[in-house]
């Protein structure tokens, strides 16, 4: 199993912000730019919990389709999911997954 502390260091050195949140005591909040994700310790080291989302205050909204358009939703708040925002989120997720994948 990869060492979660080493994985966190790798993420930090790659420019990700690392924080905790009272709402998610068993997770680490990873952010960069306007994107955020939750990480948890698993049998494979750190792994994503759910899907990354768009930062909305101190939480983040998830990508959903509403009334025929894509938005980031956090409770009753919405942010348009423009192509640029979806691309930023995809790059964010891809980089996290790449950095968390063990190298042999």
N, C-alpha and C. Protein backbone atom coordinates (compact mmCIF):
# COMPACT_ATOMS: atom_id res chain seq x y z
N UNK A 1 0.85 -1.18 0.00
CA UNK A 1 0.00 0.00 0.00
C UNK A 1 0.89 1.24 0.00
N UNK A 2 0.60 2.20 -0.87
CA UNK A 2 1.35 3.45 -0.84
C UNK A 2 1.15 4.18 0.50
N UNK A 3 2.16 4.90 0.92
CA UNK A 3 2.08 5.65 2.17
C UNK A 3 1.27 6.93 1.93
N UNK A 4 0.12 7.09 2.61
CA UNK A 4 -0.70 8.28 2.42
C UNK A 4 0.05 9.59 2.66
N UNK A 5 0.97 9.61 3.62
CA UNK A 5 1.74 10.84 3.89
C UNK A 5 2.61 11.19 2.68
N UNK A 6 3.21 10.19 2.07
CA UNK A 6 4.03 10.44 0.87
C UNK A 6 3.15 10.89 -0.29
N UNK A 7 1.97 10.31 -0.41
CA UNK A 7 1.04 10.73 -1.46
C UNK A 7 0.61 12.18 -1.27
N UNK A 8 0.32 12.56 -0.03
CA UNK A 8 -0.06 13.95 0.25
C UNK A 8 1.07 14.90 -0.09
N UNK A 9 2.29 14.52 0.24
CA UNK A 9 3.44 15.36 -0.07
C UNK A 9 3.57 15.53 -1.59
N UNK A 10 3.39 14.46 -2.32
CA UNK A 10 3.47 14.51 -3.78
C UNK A 10 2.41 15.46 -4.35
N UNK A 11 1.20 15.38 -3.82
CA UNK A 11 0.12 16.26 -4.26
C UNK A 11 0.43 17.72 -3.92
N UNK A 12 0.92 17.94 -2.71
CA UNK A 12 1.26 19.30 -2.28
C UNK A 12 2.36 19.90 -3.17
N UNK A 13 3.38 19.11 -3.45
CA UNK A 13 4.48 19.59 -4.29
C UNK A 13 4.04 19.82 -5.74
N UNK A 14 2.91 19.23 -6.12
CA UNK A 14 2.36 19.43 -7.47
C UNK A 14 1.41 20.62 -7.52
N UNK A 15 1.28 21.35 -6.41
CA UNK A 15 0.48 22.57 -6.41
C UNK A 15 -0.93 22.46 -5.88
N UNK A 16 -1.28 21.33 -5.29
CA UNK A 16 -2.61 21.18 -4.71
C UNK A 16 -2.62 21.74 -3.29
N UNK A 17 -3.74 22.36 -2.90
CA UNK A 17 -3.94 22.80 -1.52
C UNK A 17 -4.56 21.64 -0.75
N UNK A 18 -4.10 21.44 0.46
CA UNK A 18 -4.59 20.35 1.30
C UNK A 18 -5.16 20.93 2.57
N UNK A 19 -6.38 20.52 2.90
CA UNK A 19 -7.05 21.06 4.08
C UNK A 19 -7.95 19.97 4.68
N UNK A 20 -8.51 20.29 5.82
CA UNK A 20 -9.52 19.44 6.44
C UNK A 20 -10.81 20.26 6.52
N UNK A 21 -11.90 19.57 6.77
CA UNK A 21 -13.19 20.25 6.90
C UNK A 21 -13.98 19.52 7.98
N UNK A 22 -14.59 20.28 8.89
CA UNK A 22 -15.36 19.68 9.97
C UNK A 22 -16.46 18.75 9.46
N UNK A 23 -16.99 19.06 8.30
CA UNK A 23 -18.09 18.26 7.74
C UNK A 23 -17.62 16.88 7.28
N UNK A 24 -16.33 16.74 6.98
CA UNK A 24 -15.77 15.48 6.48
C UNK A 24 -14.56 15.08 7.32
N UNK A 25 -14.78 14.66 8.57
CA UNK A 25 -13.66 14.42 9.48
C UNK A 25 -12.73 13.28 9.08
N UNK A 26 -13.20 12.35 8.26
CA UNK A 26 -12.37 11.22 7.86
C UNK A 26 -11.67 11.45 6.52
N UNK A 27 -11.80 12.66 5.98
CA UNK A 27 -11.27 12.95 4.65
C UNK A 27 -10.30 14.12 4.67
N UNK A 28 -9.58 14.24 3.57
CA UNK A 28 -8.74 15.39 3.29
C UNK A 28 -9.38 16.10 2.11
N UNK A 29 -9.45 17.43 2.17
CA UNK A 29 -9.98 18.21 1.07
C UNK A 29 -8.81 18.68 0.21
N UNK A 30 -8.86 18.34 -1.05
CA UNK A 30 -7.81 18.70 -1.99
C UNK A 30 -8.39 19.74 -2.96
N UNK A 31 -7.69 20.86 -3.14
CA UNK A 31 -8.20 21.92 -4.02
C UNK A 31 -7.09 22.49 -4.88
N UNK A 32 -7.49 23.01 -6.00
CA UNK A 32 -6.60 23.80 -6.85
C UNK A 32 -7.50 24.57 -7.80
N UNK A 33 -7.19 25.85 -7.94
CA UNK A 33 -8.06 26.69 -8.78
C UNK A 33 -9.46 26.68 -8.21
N UNK A 34 -10.42 26.38 -9.05
CA UNK A 34 -11.82 26.35 -8.62
C UNK A 34 -12.35 24.96 -8.34
N UNK A 35 -11.47 23.97 -8.32
CA UNK A 35 -11.88 22.58 -8.16
C UNK A 35 -11.50 22.04 -6.79
N UNK A 36 -12.33 21.13 -6.28
CA UNK A 36 -12.06 20.49 -5.00
C UNK A 36 -12.48 19.02 -5.07
N UNK A 37 -11.84 18.23 -4.21
CA UNK A 37 -12.16 16.81 -4.12
C UNK A 37 -11.90 16.33 -2.70
N UNK A 38 -12.56 15.24 -2.36
CA UNK A 38 -12.33 14.60 -1.07
C UNK A 38 -11.48 13.36 -1.29
N UNK A 39 -10.48 13.19 -0.44
CA UNK A 39 -9.65 11.99 -0.45
C UNK A 39 -9.82 11.25 0.86
N UNK A 40 -9.78 9.93 0.79
CA UNK A 40 -9.83 9.11 2.00
C UNK A 40 -8.76 8.04 1.92
N UNK A 41 -8.38 7.53 3.07
CA UNK A 41 -7.41 6.44 3.10
C UNK A 41 -8.17 5.15 2.80
N UNK A 42 -7.61 4.39 1.85
CA UNK A 42 -8.20 3.10 1.47
C UNK A 42 -7.10 2.05 1.49
N UNK A 43 -7.43 0.84 1.10
CA UNK A 43 -6.45 -0.24 1.04
C UNK A 43 -5.36 0.05 0.01
N UNK A 44 -5.64 0.95 -0.94
CA UNK A 44 -4.67 1.33 -1.97
C UNK A 44 -3.98 2.65 -1.65
N UNK A 45 -4.02 3.09 -0.42
CA UNK A 45 -3.47 4.40 -0.05
C UNK A 45 -4.59 5.42 -0.12
N UNK A 46 -4.29 6.63 -0.59
CA UNK A 46 -5.33 7.64 -0.74
C UNK A 46 -6.13 7.38 -2.00
N UNK A 47 -7.43 7.63 -1.93
CA UNK A 47 -8.29 7.51 -3.10
C UNK A 47 -9.37 8.57 -3.05
N UNK A 48 -9.92 8.88 -4.22
CA UNK A 48 -11.00 9.85 -4.29
C UNK A 48 -12.25 9.29 -3.63
N UNK A 49 -12.95 10.12 -2.89
CA UNK A 49 -14.25 9.76 -2.33
C UNK A 49 -15.28 10.51 -3.17
N UNK A 50 -16.06 9.79 -3.91
CA UNK A 50 -17.02 10.43 -4.80
C UNK A 50 -16.30 11.06 -5.98
N UNK A 51 -16.85 12.14 -6.48
CA UNK A 51 -16.28 12.81 -7.65
C UNK A 51 -15.88 14.23 -7.28
N UNK A 52 -14.84 14.75 -7.90
CA UNK A 52 -14.46 16.14 -7.67
C UNK A 52 -15.57 17.08 -8.14
N UNK A 53 -15.53 18.31 -7.63
CA UNK A 53 -16.56 19.28 -8.00
C UNK A 53 -16.00 20.69 -8.07
N UNK A 54 -16.90 21.62 -8.31
CA UNK A 54 -16.56 23.04 -8.47
C UNK A 54 -16.70 23.74 -7.13
N UNK A 55 -15.67 24.46 -6.71
CA UNK A 55 -15.67 25.11 -5.41
C UNK A 55 -16.76 26.18 -5.35
N UNK A 56 -17.57 26.08 -4.31
CA UNK A 56 -18.67 27.03 -4.07
C UNK A 56 -18.63 27.36 -2.58
N UNK A 57 -17.93 28.43 -2.24
CA UNK A 57 -17.71 28.76 -0.84
C UNK A 57 -16.70 27.80 -0.26
N UNK A 58 -16.98 27.26 0.92
CA UNK A 58 -16.03 26.31 1.52
C UNK A 58 -16.38 24.86 1.20
N UNK A 59 -17.40 24.64 0.38
CA UNK A 59 -17.77 23.31 -0.09
C UNK A 59 -17.67 23.30 -1.61
N UNK A 60 -18.18 22.25 -2.24
CA UNK A 60 -18.16 22.24 -3.70
C UNK A 60 -19.40 21.59 -4.26
N UNK A 61 -19.77 22.06 -5.45
CA UNK A 61 -20.94 21.54 -6.14
C UNK A 61 -20.53 20.46 -7.11
N UNK A 62 -21.43 19.51 -7.32
CA UNK A 62 -21.17 18.41 -8.24
C UNK A 62 -21.84 18.69 -9.58
N UNK A 63 -21.28 18.09 -10.62
CA UNK A 63 -21.77 18.28 -11.97
C UNK A 63 -23.05 17.46 -12.17
N UNK A 64 -24.13 18.14 -12.53
CA UNK A 64 -25.41 17.48 -12.78
C UNK A 64 -26.08 18.13 -13.99
N UNK A 65 -26.98 17.38 -14.60
CA UNK A 65 -27.79 17.95 -15.68
C UNK A 65 -29.11 18.38 -15.08
N UNK A 66 -29.48 19.63 -15.32
CA UNK A 66 -30.73 20.17 -14.78
C UNK A 66 -31.44 20.95 -15.87
N UNK A 67 -32.65 20.57 -16.15
CA UNK A 67 -33.46 21.24 -17.17
C UNK A 67 -32.74 21.33 -18.51
N UNK A 68 -32.05 20.25 -18.89
CA UNK A 68 -31.40 20.19 -20.18
C UNK A 68 -30.07 20.91 -20.29
N UNK A 69 -29.52 21.37 -19.18
CA UNK A 69 -28.20 22.01 -19.21
C UNK A 69 -27.36 21.48 -18.06
N UNK A 70 -26.04 21.59 -18.21
CA UNK A 70 -25.11 21.11 -17.19
C UNK A 70 -24.77 22.23 -16.23
N UNK A 71 -24.84 21.91 -14.94
CA UNK A 71 -24.54 22.87 -13.88
C UNK A 71 -23.77 22.17 -12.77
N UNK A 72 -23.11 22.97 -11.95
CA UNK A 72 -22.55 22.48 -10.70
C UNK A 72 -23.57 22.86 -9.63
N UNK A 73 -23.99 21.87 -8.82
CA UNK A 73 -25.02 22.12 -7.83
C UNK A 73 -24.53 21.81 -6.44
N UNK A 74 -24.79 22.76 -5.53
CA UNK A 74 -24.57 22.58 -4.10
C UNK A 74 -25.87 22.99 -3.43
N UNK A 75 -26.61 22.00 -2.97
CA UNK A 75 -27.94 22.23 -2.40
C UNK A 75 -28.79 23.00 -3.40
N UNK A 76 -29.21 24.23 -3.06
CA UNK A 76 -30.07 25.00 -3.97
C UNK A 76 -29.28 26.04 -4.78
N UNK A 77 -27.94 25.97 -4.72
CA UNK A 77 -27.11 26.89 -5.49
C UNK A 77 -26.64 26.21 -6.77
N UNK A 78 -26.52 27.01 -7.84
CA UNK A 78 -26.09 26.49 -9.13
C UNK A 78 -25.05 27.41 -9.75
N UNK A 79 -24.09 26.80 -10.45
CA UNK A 79 -23.09 27.53 -11.24
C UNK A 79 -23.08 26.86 -12.61
N UNK A 80 -23.17 27.65 -13.67
CA UNK A 80 -23.14 27.08 -15.02
C UNK A 80 -21.87 26.27 -15.24
N UNK A 81 -22.04 25.09 -15.80
CA UNK A 81 -20.89 24.23 -16.11
C UNK A 81 -20.48 24.48 -17.56
N UNK A 82 -19.73 25.56 -17.75
CA UNK A 82 -19.27 25.90 -19.09
C UNK A 82 -18.25 24.86 -19.55
N UNK A 83 -17.96 24.86 -20.83
CA UNK A 83 -16.97 23.93 -21.37
C UNK A 83 -15.62 24.14 -20.69
N UNK A 84 -15.25 25.40 -20.43
CA UNK A 84 -13.97 25.69 -19.77
C UNK A 84 -13.94 25.13 -18.35
N UNK A 85 -15.04 25.28 -17.63
CA UNK A 85 -15.09 24.76 -16.25
C UNK A 85 -15.04 23.24 -16.24
N UNK A 86 -15.77 22.60 -17.16
CA UNK A 86 -15.73 21.14 -17.22
C UNK A 86 -14.34 20.65 -17.60
N UNK A 87 -13.67 21.36 -18.50
CA UNK A 87 -12.30 20.99 -18.87
C UNK A 87 -11.35 21.13 -17.69
N UNK A 88 -11.49 22.24 -16.93
CA UNK A 88 -10.64 22.44 -15.75
C UNK A 88 -10.86 21.32 -14.74
N UNK A 89 -12.11 20.95 -14.54
CA UNK A 89 -12.43 19.87 -13.59
C UNK A 89 -11.86 18.54 -14.07
N UNK A 90 -11.95 18.27 -15.36
CA UNK A 90 -11.41 17.01 -15.89
C UNK A 90 -9.89 16.95 -15.74
N UNK A 91 -9.20 18.06 -16.01
CA UNK A 91 -7.73 18.09 -15.82
C UNK A 91 -7.38 17.88 -14.36
N UNK A 92 -8.12 18.51 -13.46
CA UNK A 92 -7.93 18.38 -12.02
C UNK A 92 -8.04 16.91 -11.61
N UNK A 93 -9.12 16.27 -12.02
CA UNK A 93 -9.34 14.87 -11.66
C UNK A 93 -8.27 13.97 -12.26
N UNK A 94 -7.94 14.18 -13.51
CA UNK A 94 -6.94 13.34 -14.18
C UNK A 94 -5.58 13.45 -13.49
N UNK A 95 -5.21 14.66 -13.09
CA UNK A 95 -3.91 14.83 -12.44
C UNK A 95 -3.89 14.15 -11.07
N UNK A 96 -4.98 14.26 -10.33
CA UNK A 96 -5.05 13.58 -9.03
C UNK A 96 -4.91 12.07 -9.23
N UNK A 97 -5.70 11.53 -10.15
CA UNK A 97 -5.65 10.09 -10.38
C UNK A 97 -4.26 9.65 -10.81
N UNK A 98 -3.61 10.45 -11.66
CA UNK A 98 -2.26 10.11 -12.11
C UNK A 98 -1.28 10.13 -10.94
N UNK A 99 -1.36 11.14 -10.09
CA UNK A 99 -0.44 11.25 -8.97
C UNK A 99 -0.67 10.16 -7.92
N UNK A 100 -1.89 9.68 -7.81
CA UNK A 100 -2.20 8.64 -6.81
C UNK A 100 -1.94 7.23 -7.32
N UNK A 101 -1.72 7.08 -8.62
CA UNK A 101 -1.46 5.76 -9.19
C UNK A 101 -0.03 5.33 -8.86
N UNK A 102 0.12 4.18 -8.20
CA UNK A 102 1.46 3.71 -7.85
C UNK A 102 2.29 3.42 -9.11
N UNK A 103 3.55 3.76 -9.06
CA UNK A 103 4.48 3.48 -10.16
C UNK A 103 5.33 2.27 -9.78
N UNK A 104 5.54 1.39 -10.74
CA UNK A 104 6.37 0.21 -10.46
C UNK A 104 7.75 0.36 -11.07
